[in-house]
Amino acid sequence: MSPFARVVAVTAAAAVVAVAVVVGVVALQTDPVESAAPAPKARKGAPPLTFELGVRNDPQAVAIRRAERLYAAGKQAQAGRAFARIDSLEGRVGQAFASWPDGTVDRMNRLAGLHAQDAVVQLNLGVALFWSGLSGARDAWRAAAASEPDTAYAVVAGNLLHPEYAKGLPIFVTTAPLPSELEGLTPSQQLELLQRGAQQTVEGKLLYGVALQRLGMQRSAERVFSQAAREAPGDAEAQVAAAVGRFDKARPADAFSRLGPLTRRFPDRATVRFHLGLLLLWSGEVKEARTQLVRATTVEPGSPLAGEAQKYLDTLDKAGV
């Protein structure tokens, strides 16, 4: 199975996801990098640099990833030379960060003046301001989320603006099987295949929506899930997916208000309780999440999602939370 196929196979990877969620919940109050409060003084070391390239595998994307790895490894001079050869906005952002701390904030502010609607600039500007101990980071992150809300940049901005939540967004877990044709395809080809499948069946829409979520395209995923729910009003998974797709850290009630009533509509389906527990866990409500996950194991014992709920419970037990 290719890397992208493994990404969309969320059911098989649920135990790993559970660990990430638990660590995120436990670390919320202790991880200084995720704190959105203005830093009183400049932080040590170079700030993290964020580029979200999705399934791009063109030569420029390959070059950006290579330069980003150099920067992450602390090789700022080499990274700067690599970014200088990239004729793109990402290249200019990378060059500004590679010179840290010399002129980074000034260069990022100038880029923001020229590219106010580009999330890659606003997000990284906010990080540079935060790392420098300057004000304005939250405004930049809000601008990133508002300018490109259907991107992974908006997801990262949400992490920084709402550190009380676990990182990322809760991903819908579907029991729909992955198409065998995914094997051997490039990431972009896999996404195209899933998109074609979404035009044919409700299960295809669920798989495609999950892939979009994994790429940070939450708004697009919400539209796909909503279409699935309209086409299959009696399908519990489609209805739950539509609710999970509405999750937004700025407006969590949008998802909970739709998911909660499904516990009465589908009282014997594990997917409802499982995903309600997942959203609660993401929100840091561990006790309430436990209650829902336990119910997921009992309302539909032996089902795939009952098994996944048990994995989450086991991980919570090991973590002591």
C-alpha atoms as a PDB file:
ATOM      1  CA  MET A   1       0.000   0.000   0.000  1.00  0.00           C
ATOM      2  CA  SER A   2       1.370   3.405  -0.951  1.00  0.00           C
ATOM      3  CA  PRO A   3       1.874   6.195   1.632  1.00  0.00           C
ATOM      4  CA  PHE A   4      -1.228   8.082   0.524  1.00  0.00           C
ATOM      5  CA  ALA A   5      -3.366   4.946   0.639  1.00  0.00           C
ATOM      6  CA  ARG A   6      -2.160   4.385   4.185  1.00  0.00           C
ATOM      7  CA  VAL A   7      -3.166   7.941   5.018  1.00  0.00           C
ATOM      8  CA  VAL A   8      -6.764   7.402   3.959  1.00  0.00           C
ATOM      9  CA  ALA A   9      -6.978   3.991   5.629  1.00  0.00           C
ATOM     10  CA  VAL A  10      -7.832   5.635   8.920  1.00  0.00           C
ATOM     11  CA  THR A  11      -9.581   2.653  10.468  1.00  0.00           C
ATOM     12  CA  ALA A  12      -6.470   0.524  10.282  1.00  0.00           C
ATOM     13  CA  ALA A  13      -4.421   3.348  11.805  1.00  0.00           C
ATOM     14  CA  ALA A  14      -6.826   4.236  14.590  1.00  0.00           C
ATOM     15  CA  ALA A  15      -4.510   3.061  17.364  1.00  0.00           C
ATOM     16  CA  VAL A  16      -1.793   5.448  16.167  1.00  0.00           C
ATOM     17  CA  VAL A  17      -4.299   8.278  15.927  1.00  0.00           C
ATOM     18  CA  ALA A  18      -5.458   7.521  19.458  1.00  0.00           C
ATOM     19  CA  VAL A  19      -1.931   7.908  20.780  1.00  0.00           C
ATOM     20  CA  ALA A  20      -1.570  11.261  19.024  1.00  0.00           C
ATOM     21  CA  VAL A  21      -4.850  12.520  20.434  1.00  0.00           C
ATOM     22  CA  VAL A  22      -4.014  11.476  23.976  1.00  0.00           C
ATOM     23  CA  VAL A  23      -0.582  13.069  23.814  1.00  0.00           C
ATOM     24  CA  GLY A  24      -2.159  16.243  22.455  1.00  0.00           C
ATOM     25  CA  VAL A  25      -4.743  16.384  25.209  1.00  0.00           C
ATOM     26  CA  VAL A  26      -2.201  15.784  27.961  1.00  0.00           C
ATOM     27  CA  ALA A  27       0.265  18.312  26.523  1.00  0.00           C
ATOM     28  CA  LEU A  28      -2.199  21.146  25.998  1.00  0.00           C
ATOM     29  CA  GLN A  29      -1.277  23.002  29.154  1.00  0.00           C
ATOM     30  CA  THR A  30       2.459  22.258  29.008  1.00  0.00           C
ATOM     31  CA  ASP A  31       3.645  22.628  25.409  1.00  0.00           C
ATOM     32  CA  PRO A  32       5.041  26.158  25.041  1.00  0.00           C
ATOM     33  CA  VAL A  33       5.206  25.935  21.251  1.00  0.00           C
ATOM     34  CA  GLU A  34       1.425  25.577  21.027  1.00  0.00           C
ATOM     35  CA  SER A  35       0.674  28.454  23.392  1.00  0.00           C
ATOM     36  CA  ALA A  36      -1.056  31.270  21.538  1.00  0.00           C
ATOM     37  CA  ALA A  37      -0.256  33.879  24.202  1.00  0.00           C
ATOM     38  CA  PRO A  38       2.356  36.472  23.179  1.00  0.00           C
ATOM     39  CA  ALA A  39       5.824  35.461  24.329  1.00  0.00           C
ATOM     40  CA  PRO A  40       7.451  37.910  26.757  1.00  0.00           C
ATOM     41  CA  LYS A  41      10.820  37.584  25.024  1.00  0.00           C
ATOM     42  CA  ALA A  42      12.407  36.045  21.969  1.00  0.00           C
ATOM     43  CA  ARG A  43      12.569  32.265  21.979  1.00  0.00           C
ATOM     44  CA  LYS A  44      15.749  30.290  21.517  1.00  0.00           C
ATOM     45  CA  GLY A  45      16.658  28.710  18.227  1.00  0.00           C
ATOM     46  CA  ALA A  46      15.071  29.161  14.830  1.00  0.00           C
ATOM     47  CA  PRO A  47      11.279  29.052  14.541  1.00  0.00           C
ATOM     48  CA  PRO A  48       9.497  26.166  12.795  1.00  0.00           C
ATOM     49  CA  LEU A  49       8.689  26.689   9.137  1.00  0.00           C
ATOM     50  CA  THR A  50       5.417  25.397   7.701  1.00  0.00           C
ATOM     51  CA  PHE A  51       4.651  24.538   4.095  1.00  0.00           C
ATOM     52  CA  GLU A  52       1.571  22.515   3.148  1.00  0.00           C
ATOM     53  CA  LEU A  53       1.948  21.086  -0.347  1.00  0.00           C
ATOM     54  CA  GLY A  54      -0.713  18.395  -0.265  1.00  0.00           C
ATOM     55  CA  VAL A  55      -0.205  15.731  -2.935  1.00  0.00           C
ATOM     56  CA  ARG A  56       1.965  17.921  -5.146  1.00  0.00           C
ATOM     57  CA  ASN A  57       4.946  16.046  -6.594  1.00  0.00           C
ATOM     58  CA  ASP A  58       6.055  18.520  -9.259  1.00  0.00           C
ATOM     59  CA  PRO A  59       9.746  19.559  -9.380  1.00  0.00           C
ATOM     60  CA  GLN A  60       9.098  22.774  -7.471  1.00  0.00           C
ATOM     61  CA  ALA A  61       7.300  20.934  -4.657  1.00  0.00           C
ATOM     62  CA  VAL A  62      10.170  18.443  -4.462  1.00  0.00           C
ATOM     63  CA  ALA A  63      12.643  21.325  -4.205  1.00  0.00           C
ATOM     64  CA  ILE A  64      10.596  23.040  -1.489  1.00  0.00           C
ATOM     65  CA  ARG A  65      10.442  19.861   0.582  1.00  0.00           C
ATOM     66  CA  ARG A  66      14.190  19.345   0.195  1.00  0.00           C
ATOM     67  CA  ALA A  67      14.966  22.892   1.326  1.00  0.00           C
ATOM     68  CA  GLU A  68      12.499  22.580   4.190  1.00  0.00           C
ATOM     69  CA  ARG A  69      14.262  19.442   5.410  1.00  0.00           C
ATOM     70  CA  LEU A  70      17.582  21.286   5.399  1.00  0.00           C
ATOM     71  CA  TYR A  71      16.051  24.073   7.455  1.00  0.00           C
ATOM     72  CA  ALA A  72      14.490  21.631   9.925  1.00  0.00           C
ATOM     73  CA  ALA A  73      17.890  19.951  10.321  1.00  0.00           C
ATOM     74  CA  GLY A  74      19.401  23.270  11.403  1.00  0.00           C
ATOM     75  CA  LYS A  75      21.315  23.805   8.158  1.00  0.00           C
ATOM     76  CA  GLN A  76      20.089  27.356   7.650  1.00  0.00           C
ATOM     77  CA  ALA A  77      22.790  28.470   5.224  1.00  0.00           C
ATOM     78  CA  GLN A  78      22.234  25.472   2.950  1.00  0.00           C
ATOM     79  CA  ALA A  79      18.485  25.911   3.239  1.00  0.00           C
ATOM     80  CA  GLY A  80      18.799  29.579   2.310  1.00  0.00           C
ATOM     81  CA  ARG A  81      20.700  28.734  -0.864  1.00  0.00           C
ATOM     82  CA  ALA A  82      18.169  26.046  -1.733  1.00  0.00           C
ATOM     83  CA  PHE A  83      15.210  28.365  -1.173  1.00  0.00           C
ATOM     84  CA  ALA A  84      16.904  31.088  -3.263  1.00  0.00           C
ATOM     85  CA  ARG A  85      16.716  28.782  -6.273  1.00  0.00           C
ATOM     86  CA  ILE A  86      12.949  28.354  -5.909  1.00  0.00           C
ATOM     87  CA  ASP A  87      10.928  30.963  -7.774  1.00  0.00           C
ATOM     88  CA  SER A  88       7.772  30.882  -5.674  1.00  0.00           C
ATOM     89  CA  LEU A  89       6.197  32.471  -2.632  1.00  0.00           C
ATOM     90  CA  GLU A  90       7.301  29.478  -0.571  1.00  0.00           C
ATOM     91  CA  GLY A  91      10.845  30.089  -1.725  1.00  0.00           C
ATOM     92  CA  ARG A  92      10.727  33.691  -0.536  1.00  0.00           C
ATOM     93  CA  VAL A  93       9.216  32.704   2.819  1.00  0.00           C
ATOM     94  CA  GLY A  94      11.920  30.056   3.191  1.00  0.00           C
ATOM     95  CA  GLN A  95      14.665  32.571   2.431  1.00  0.00           C
ATOM     96  CA  ALA A  96      13.297  34.927   5.086  1.00  0.00           C
ATOM     97  CA  PHE A  97      13.331  32.172   7.705  1.00  0.00           C
ATOM     98  CA  ALA A  98      16.742  30.824   6.663  1.00  0.00           C
ATOM     99  CA  SER A  99      18.324  34.150   7.652  1.00  0.00           C
ATOM    100  CA  TRP A 100      16.832  33.969  11.155  1.00  0.00           C
ATOM    101  CA  PRO A 101      16.961  36.161  13.132  1.00  0.00           C
ATOM    102  CA  ASP A 102      18.518  38.704  10.797  1.00  0.00           C
ATOM    103  CA  GLY A 103      15.725  40.557   9.015  1.00  0.00           C
ATOM    104  CA  THR A 104      13.251  37.678   9.132  1.00  0.00           C
ATOM    105  CA  VAL A 105      10.353  39.598  10.643  1.00  0.00           C
ATOM    106  CA  ASP A 106      10.912  42.624   8.389  1.00  0.00           C
ATOM    107  CA  ARG A 107      11.010  40.455   5.281  1.00  0.00           C
ATOM    108  CA  MET A 108       7.898  38.568   6.349  1.00  0.00           C
ATOM    109  CA  ASN A 109       6.055  41.814   7.037  1.00  0.00           C
ATOM    110  CA  ARG A 110       6.940  43.032   3.553  1.00  0.00           C
ATOM    111  CA  LEU A 111       5.710  39.766   2.050  1.00  0.00           C
ATOM    112  CA  ALA A 112       2.484  40.092   4.022  1.00  0.00           C
ATOM    113  CA  GLY A 113       1.999  43.568   2.601  1.00  0.00           C
ATOM    114  CA  LEU A 114       2.282  42.184  -0.910  1.00  0.00           C
ATOM    115  CA  HIS A 115       0.473  38.888  -0.326  1.00  0.00           C
ATOM    116  CA  ALA A 116      -2.069  39.589   2.401  1.00  0.00           C
ATOM    117  CA  GLN A 117      -4.413  36.835   1.158  1.00  0.00           C
ATOM    118  CA  ASP A 118      -1.792  34.073   1.060  1.00  0.00           C
ATOM    119  CA  ALA A 119      -2.024  31.797   4.082  1.00  0.00           C
ATOM    120  CA  VAL A 120       1.559  30.558   3.726  1.00  0.00           C
ATOM    121  CA  VAL A 121       2.741  34.112   4.394  1.00  0.00           C
ATOM    122  CA  GLN A 122       0.320  34.950   7.201  1.00  0.00           C
ATOM    123  CA  LEU A 123       0.824  31.698   9.071  1.00  0.00           C
ATOM    124  CA  ASN A 124       4.603  31.893   8.992  1.00  0.00           C
ATOM    125  CA  LEU A 125       4.551  35.616   9.741  1.00  0.00           C
ATOM    126  CA  GLY A 126       2.620  34.809  12.907  1.00  0.00           C
ATOM    127  CA  VAL A 127       5.188  32.204  13.886  1.00  0.00           C
ATOM    128  CA  ALA A 128       8.046  34.643  13.283  1.00  0.00           C
ATOM    129  CA  LEU A 129       6.330  37.301  15.406  1.00  0.00           C
ATOM    130  CA  PHE A 130       5.594  34.817  18.165  1.00  0.00           C
ATOM    131  CA  TRP A 131       9.165  33.519  18.153  1.00  0.00           C
ATOM    132  CA  SER A 132      10.495  37.069  18.323  1.00  0.00           C
ATOM    133  CA  GLY A 133       8.312  37.938  21.308  1.00  0.00           C
ATOM    134  CA  LEU A 134       6.420  40.540  19.283  1.00  0.00           C
ATOM    135  CA  SER A 135       2.703  41.236  19.162  1.00  0.00           C
ATOM    136  CA  GLY A 136       0.471  40.463  16.197  1.00  0.00           C
ATOM    137  CA  ALA A 137       0.912  36.704  15.941  1.00  0.00           C
ATOM    138  CA  ARG A 138      -2.743  35.895  16.602  1.00  0.00           C
ATOM    139  CA  ASP A 139      -3.901  38.451  14.043  1.00  0.00           C
ATOM    140  CA  ALA A 140      -1.659  36.854  11.430  1.00  0.00           C
ATOM    141  CA  TRP A 141      -2.923  33.363  12.251  1.00  0.00           C
ATOM    142  CA  ARG A 142      -6.525  34.545  12.038  1.00  0.00           C
ATOM    143  CA  ALA A 143      -5.742  36.076   8.652  1.00  0.00           C
ATOM    144  CA  ALA A 144      -4.248  32.769   7.490  1.00  0.00           C
ATOM    145  CA  ALA A 145      -7.356  30.845   8.522  1.00  0.00           C
ATOM    146  CA  ALA A 146      -9.714  33.411   6.991  1.00  0.00           C
ATOM    147  CA  SER A 147      -7.876  33.803   3.692  1.00  0.00           C
ATOM    148  CA  GLU A 148      -7.613  30.096   2.871  1.00  0.00           C
ATOM    149  CA  PRO A 149     -10.065  28.252   5.131  1.00  0.00           C
ATOM    150  CA  ASP A 150     -10.078  25.075   3.046  1.00  0.00           C
ATOM    151  CA  THR A 151      -6.372  24.324   3.438  1.00  0.00           C
ATOM    152  CA  ALA A 152      -3.987  22.692   5.853  1.00  0.00           C
ATOM    153  CA  TYR A 153      -2.726  26.194   6.673  1.00  0.00           C
ATOM    154  CA  ALA A 154      -6.088  26.934   8.270  1.00  0.00           C
ATOM    155  CA  VAL A 155      -5.793  23.714  10.291  1.00  0.00           C
ATOM    156  CA  VAL A 156      -2.344  24.706  11.581  1.00  0.00           C
ATOM    157  CA  ALA A 157      -3.599  28.211  12.342  1.00  0.00           C
ATOM    158  CA  GLY A 158      -6.433  26.615  14.326  1.00  0.00           C
ATOM    159  CA  ASN A 159      -3.877  24.647  16.349  1.00  0.00           C
ATOM    160  CA  LEU A 160      -2.131  27.857  17.308  1.00  0.00           C
ATOM    161  CA  LEU A 161      -5.255  29.892  17.969  1.00  0.00           C
ATOM    162  CA  HIS A 162      -6.948  27.160  20.019  1.00  0.00           C
ATOM    163  CA  PRO A 163      -4.285  25.338  22.052  1.00  0.00           C
ATOM    164  CA  GLU A 164      -6.996  24.002  24.375  1.00  0.00           C
ATOM    165  CA  TYR A 165      -7.827  21.443  21.668  1.00  0.00           C
ATOM    166  CA  ALA A 166      -5.751  18.526  20.426  1.00  0.00           C
ATOM    167  CA  LYS A 167      -3.735  19.270  17.300  1.00  0.00           C
ATOM    168  CA  GLY A 168      -5.314  18.896  13.898  1.00  0.00           C
ATOM    169  CA  LEU A 169      -8.945  17.969  13.355  1.00  0.00           C
ATOM    170  CA  PRO A 170     -10.829  14.758  14.167  1.00  0.00           C
ATOM    171  CA  ILE A 171     -10.925  12.562  11.087  1.00  0.00           C
ATOM    172  CA  PHE A 172     -14.030  10.555  10.291  1.00  0.00           C
ATOM    173  CA  VAL A 173     -13.406   6.807  10.534  1.00  0.00           C
ATOM    174  CA  THR A 174     -15.272   4.878   7.882  1.00  0.00           C
ATOM    175  CA  THR A 175     -15.658   1.128   7.543  1.00  0.00           C
ATOM    176  CA  ALA A 176     -15.883   1.437   3.749  1.00  0.00           C
ATOM    177  CA  PRO A 177     -13.129  -0.636   2.094  1.00  0.00           C
ATOM    178  CA  LEU A 178     -10.428   1.103   0.125  1.00  0.00           C
ATOM    179  CA  PRO A 179     -10.398   0.423  -3.634  1.00  0.00           C
ATOM    180  CA  SER A 180      -7.753  -2.128  -4.561  1.00  0.00           C
ATOM    181  CA  GLU A 181      -6.879   0.052  -7.563  1.00  0.00           C
ATOM    182  CA  LEU A 182      -5.110   2.537  -5.264  1.00  0.00           C
ATOM    183  CA  GLU A 183      -2.089   0.272  -5.124  1.00  0.00           C
ATOM    184  CA  GLY A 184       0.802   1.560  -7.201  1.00  0.00           C
ATOM    185  CA  LEU A 185      -0.691   4.976  -7.977  1.00  0.00           C
ATOM    186  CA  THR A 186       0.949   8.294  -7.149  1.00  0.00           C
ATOM    187  CA  PRO A 187      -0.688  10.388  -4.407  1.00  0.00           C
ATOM    188  CA  SER A 188      -2.359  12.691  -6.926  1.00  0.00           C
ATOM    189  CA  GLN A 189      -3.605   9.702  -8.942  1.00  0.00           C
ATOM    190  CA  GLN A 190      -4.996   8.119  -5.785  1.00  0.00           C
ATOM    191  CA  LEU A 191      -6.861  11.305  -4.967  1.00  0.00           C
ATOM    192  CA  GLU A 192      -8.289  11.413  -8.491  1.00  0.00           C
ATOM    193  CA  LEU A 193      -9.429   7.799  -8.172  1.00  0.00           C
ATOM    194  CA  LEU A 194     -11.169   8.526  -4.885  1.00  0.00           C
ATOM    195  CA  GLN A 195     -12.786  11.597  -6.428  1.00  0.00           C
ATOM    196  CA  ARG A 196     -14.207   9.480  -9.242  1.00  0.00           C
ATOM    197  CA  GLY A 197     -15.502   6.996  -6.708  1.00  0.00           C
ATOM    198  CA  ALA A 198     -17.248   9.825  -4.866  1.00  0.00           C
ATOM    199  CA  GLN A 199     -19.272  10.532  -8.001  1.00  0.00           C
ATOM    200  CA  GLN A 200     -20.654   7.004  -7.998  1.00  0.00           C
ATOM    201  CA  THR A 201     -21.487   5.781  -4.484  1.00  0.00           C
ATOM    202  CA  VAL A 202     -22.070   6.955  -0.925  1.00  0.00           C
ATOM    203  CA  GLU A 203     -19.164   4.805   0.259  1.00  0.00           C
ATOM    204  CA  GLY A 204     -16.995   6.506  -2.334  1.00  0.00           C
ATOM    205  CA  LYS A 205     -17.983   9.888  -0.956  1.00  0.00           C
ATOM    206  CA  LEU A 206     -17.025   8.818   2.551  1.00  0.00           C
ATOM    207  CA  LEU A 207     -13.587   7.655   1.410  1.00  0.00           C
ATOM    208  CA  TYR A 208     -13.001  10.800  -0.632  1.00  0.00           C
ATOM    209  CA  GLY A 209     -14.127  12.991   2.244  1.00  0.00           C
ATOM    210  CA  VAL A 210     -11.653  11.287   4.562  1.00  0.00           C
ATOM    211  CA  ALA A 211      -8.860  11.879   2.052  1.00  0.00           C
ATOM    212  CA  LEU A 212      -9.781  15.559   1.841  1.00  0.00           C
ATOM    213  CA  GLN A 213      -9.772  15.817   5.630  1.00  0.00           C
ATOM    214  CA  ARG A 214      -6.316  14.270   5.734  1.00  0.00           C
ATOM    215  CA  LEU A 215      -5.131  16.954   3.323  1.00  0.00           C
ATOM    216  CA  GLY A 216      -6.538  19.707   5.552  1.00  0.00           C
ATOM    217  CA  MET A 217      -9.392  20.462   3.145  1.00  0.00           C
ATOM    218  CA  GLN A 218     -12.077  20.410   5.820  1.00  0.00           C
ATOM    219  CA  ARG A 219     -14.551  22.635   3.982  1.00  0.00           C
ATOM    220  CA  SER A 220     -14.407  20.439   0.878  1.00  0.00           C
ATOM    221  CA  ALA A 221     -14.741  17.322   3.023  1.00  0.00           C
ATOM    222  CA  GLU A 222     -17.787  18.803   4.729  1.00  0.00           C
ATOM    223  CA  ARG A 223     -19.463  19.368   1.357  1.00  0.00           C
ATOM    224  CA  VAL A 224     -18.747  15.803   0.235  1.00  0.00           C
ATOM    225  CA  PHE A 225     -19.986  14.333   3.515  1.00  0.00           C
ATOM    226  CA  SER A 226     -23.110  16.491   3.385  1.00  0.00           C
ATOM    227  CA  GLN A 227     -23.858  15.226  -0.108  1.00  0.00           C
ATOM    228  CA  ALA A 228     -23.481  11.652   1.142  1.00  0.00           C
ATOM    229  CA  ALA A 229     -25.905  12.384   3.981  1.00  0.00           C
ATOM    230  CA  ARG A 230     -28.474  13.809   1.566  1.00  0.00           C
ATOM    231  CA  GLU A 231     -28.192  10.784  -0.716  1.00  0.00           C
ATOM    232  CA  ALA A 232     -28.453   8.285   2.146  1.00  0.00           C
ATOM    233  CA  PRO A 233     -30.673   9.766   4.884  1.00  0.00           C
ATOM    234  CA  GLY A 234     -30.987   6.380   6.590  1.00  0.00           C
ATOM    235  CA  ASP A 235     -27.271   5.570   6.559  1.00  0.00           C
ATOM    236  CA  ALA A 236     -25.728   6.085   9.997  1.00  0.00           C
ATOM    237  CA  GLU A 237     -22.165   6.466   8.692  1.00  0.00           C
ATOM    238  CA  ALA A 238     -23.150   9.119   6.167  1.00  0.00           C
ATOM    239  CA  GLN A 239     -25.065  11.104   8.781  1.00  0.00           C
ATOM    240  CA  VAL A 240     -22.207  10.882  11.288  1.00  0.00           C
ATOM    241  CA  ALA A 241     -19.674  11.904   8.633  1.00  0.00           C
ATOM    242  CA  ALA A 242     -21.709  15.017   7.860  1.00  0.00           C
ATOM    243  CA  ALA A 243     -21.620  15.928  11.552  1.00  0.00           C
ATOM    244  CA  VAL A 244     -17.895  15.271  11.999  1.00  0.00           C
ATOM    245  CA  GLY A 245     -17.133  17.270   8.859  1.00  0.00           C
ATOM    246  CA  ARG A 246     -18.656  20.333  10.500  1.00  0.00           C
ATOM    247  CA  PHE A 247     -16.152  20.323  13.370  1.00  0.00           C
ATOM    248  CA  ASP A 248     -14.444  23.682  13.723  1.00  0.00           C
ATOM    249  CA  LYS A 249     -12.410  24.686  16.765  1.00  0.00           C
ATOM    250  CA  ALA A 250     -13.887  28.167  16.581  1.00  0.00           C
ATOM    251  CA  ARG A 251     -17.443  26.751  16.479  1.00  0.00           C
ATOM    252  CA  PRO A 252     -17.442  23.219  17.959  1.00  0.00           C
ATOM    253  CA  ALA A 253     -21.182  23.380  18.629  1.00  0.00           C
ATOM    254  CA  ASP A 254     -21.828  23.082  14.877  1.00  0.00           C
ATOM    255  CA  ALA A 255     -20.677  19.466  14.976  1.00  0.00           C
ATOM    256  CA  PHE A 256     -21.935  18.499  18.429  1.00  0.00           C
ATOM    257  CA  SER A 257     -25.429  19.870  17.772  1.00  0.00           C
ATOM    258  CA  ARG A 258     -25.736  17.611  14.755  1.00  0.00           C
ATOM    259  CA  LEU A 259     -24.013  14.557  16.191  1.00  0.00           C
ATOM    260  CA  GLY A 260     -25.794  14.489  19.550  1.00  0.00           C
ATOM    261  CA  PRO A 261     -29.303  13.844  18.150  1.00  0.00           C
ATOM    262  CA  LEU A 262     -27.955  10.921  16.128  1.00  0.00           C
ATOM    263  CA  THR A 263     -27.513   8.967  19.380  1.00  0.00           C
ATOM    264  CA  ARG A 264     -31.317   8.795  19.558  1.00  0.00           C
ATOM    265  CA  ARG A 265     -31.819   8.226  15.845  1.00  0.00           C
ATOM    266  CA  PHE A 266     -29.258   5.408  15.659  1.00  0.00           C
ATOM    267  CA  PRO A 267     -29.099   4.076  19.239  1.00  0.00           C
ATOM    268  CA  ASP A 268     -27.581   0.734  18.234  1.00  0.00           C
ATOM    269  CA  ARG A 269     -24.799   2.004  15.939  1.00  0.00           C
ATOM    270  CA  ALA A 270     -21.259   2.218  17.301  1.00  0.00           C
ATOM    271  CA  THR A 271     -20.234   4.870  14.776  1.00  0.00           C
ATOM    272  CA  VAL A 272     -22.358   7.497  16.523  1.00  0.00           C
ATOM    273  CA  ARG A 273     -20.955   6.911  19.996  1.00  0.00           C
ATOM    274  CA  PHE A 274     -17.424   6.408  18.699  1.00  0.00           C
ATOM    275  CA  HIS A 275     -17.325   9.709  16.862  1.00  0.00           C
ATOM    276  CA  LEU A 276     -19.012  11.587  19.675  1.00  0.00           C
ATOM    277  CA  GLY A 277     -16.255  10.253  21.918  1.00  0.00           C
ATOM    278  CA  LEU A 278     -13.664  11.270  19.336  1.00  0.00           C
ATOM    279  CA  LEU A 279     -14.912  14.860  19.198  1.00  0.00           C
ATOM    280  CA  LEU A 280     -15.053  15.047  22.987  1.00  0.00           C
ATOM    281  CA  LEU A 281     -11.526  13.692  23.236  1.00  0.00           C
ATOM    282  CA  TRP A 282     -10.337  16.299  20.734  1.00  0.00           C
ATOM    283  CA  SER A 283     -11.953  18.958  22.885  1.00  0.00           C
ATOM    284  CA  GLY A 284     -10.124  17.780  25.995  1.00  0.00           C
ATOM    285  CA  GLU A 285     -13.262  16.356  27.604  1.00  0.00           C
ATOM    286  CA  VAL A 286     -11.615  13.053  28.472  1.00  0.00           C
ATOM    287  CA  LYS A 287     -14.124  11.837  31.080  1.00  0.00           C
ATOM    288  CA  GLU A 288     -17.104  12.390  28.784  1.00  0.00           C
ATOM    289  CA  ALA A 289     -15.178  10.890  25.878  1.00  0.00           C
ATOM    290  CA  ARG A 290     -14.567   7.728  27.885  1.00  0.00           C
ATOM    291  CA  THR A 291     -18.284   7.379  28.523  1.00  0.00           C
ATOM    292  CA  GLN A 292     -19.102   7.552  24.817  1.00  0.00           C
ATOM    293  CA  LEU A 293     -16.284   5.218  23.796  1.00  0.00           C
ATOM    294  CA  VAL A 294     -17.423   2.631  26.331  1.00  0.00           C
ATOM    295  CA  ARG A 295     -20.943   2.853  24.909  1.00  0.00           C
ATOM    296  CA  ALA A 296     -19.527   2.357  21.420  1.00  0.00           C
ATOM    297  CA  THR A 297     -18.131  -0.998  22.562  1.00  0.00           C
ATOM    298  CA  THR A 298     -21.482  -2.112  23.975  1.00  0.00           C
ATOM    299  CA  VAL A 299     -24.159  -0.899  21.548  1.00  0.00           C
ATOM    300  CA  GLU A 300     -22.675  -2.825  18.630  1.00  0.00           C
ATOM    301  CA  PRO A 301     -20.265  -5.408  20.097  1.00  0.00           C
ATOM    302  CA  GLY A 302     -17.976  -7.056  17.607  1.00  0.00           C
ATOM    303  CA  SER A 303     -18.287  -4.281  15.034  1.00  0.00           C
ATOM    304  CA  PRO A 304     -15.159  -2.646  13.573  1.00  0.00           C
ATOM    305  CA  LEU A 305     -15.797   0.655  15.326  1.00  0.00           C
ATOM    306  CA  ALA A 306     -16.452  -1.073  18.643  1.00  0.00           C
ATOM    307  CA  GLY A 307     -12.979  -2.509  18.266  1.00  0.00           C
ATOM    308  CA  GLU A 308     -11.528   0.893  17.440  1.00  0.00           C
ATOM    309  CA  ALA A 309     -13.256   2.419  20.455  1.00  0.00           C
ATOM    310  CA  GLN A 310     -11.596  -0.213  22.637  1.00  0.00           C
ATOM    311  CA  LYS A 311      -8.198   0.726  21.209  1.00  0.00           C
ATOM    312  CA  TYR A 312      -8.789   4.321  22.247  1.00  0.00           C
ATOM    313  CA  LEU A 313      -9.846   3.212  25.721  1.00  0.00           C
ATOM    314  CA  ASP A 314      -6.769   1.026  26.053  1.00  0.00           C
ATOM    315  CA  THR A 315      -4.553   3.928  25.001  1.00  0.00           C
ATOM    316  CA  LEU A 316      -6.217   6.253  27.489  1.00  0.00           C
ATOM    317  CA  ASP A 317      -5.633   3.675  30.215  1.00  0.00           C
ATOM    318  CA  LYS A 318      -1.944   3.375  29.332  1.00  0.00           C
ATOM    319  CA  ALA A 319      -1.593   7.143  29.301  1.00  0.00           C
ATOM    320  CA  GLY A 320      -3.258   7.390  32.713  1.00  0.00           C
ATOM    321  CA  VAL A 321      -5.815   9.943  31.567  1.00  0.00           C
END
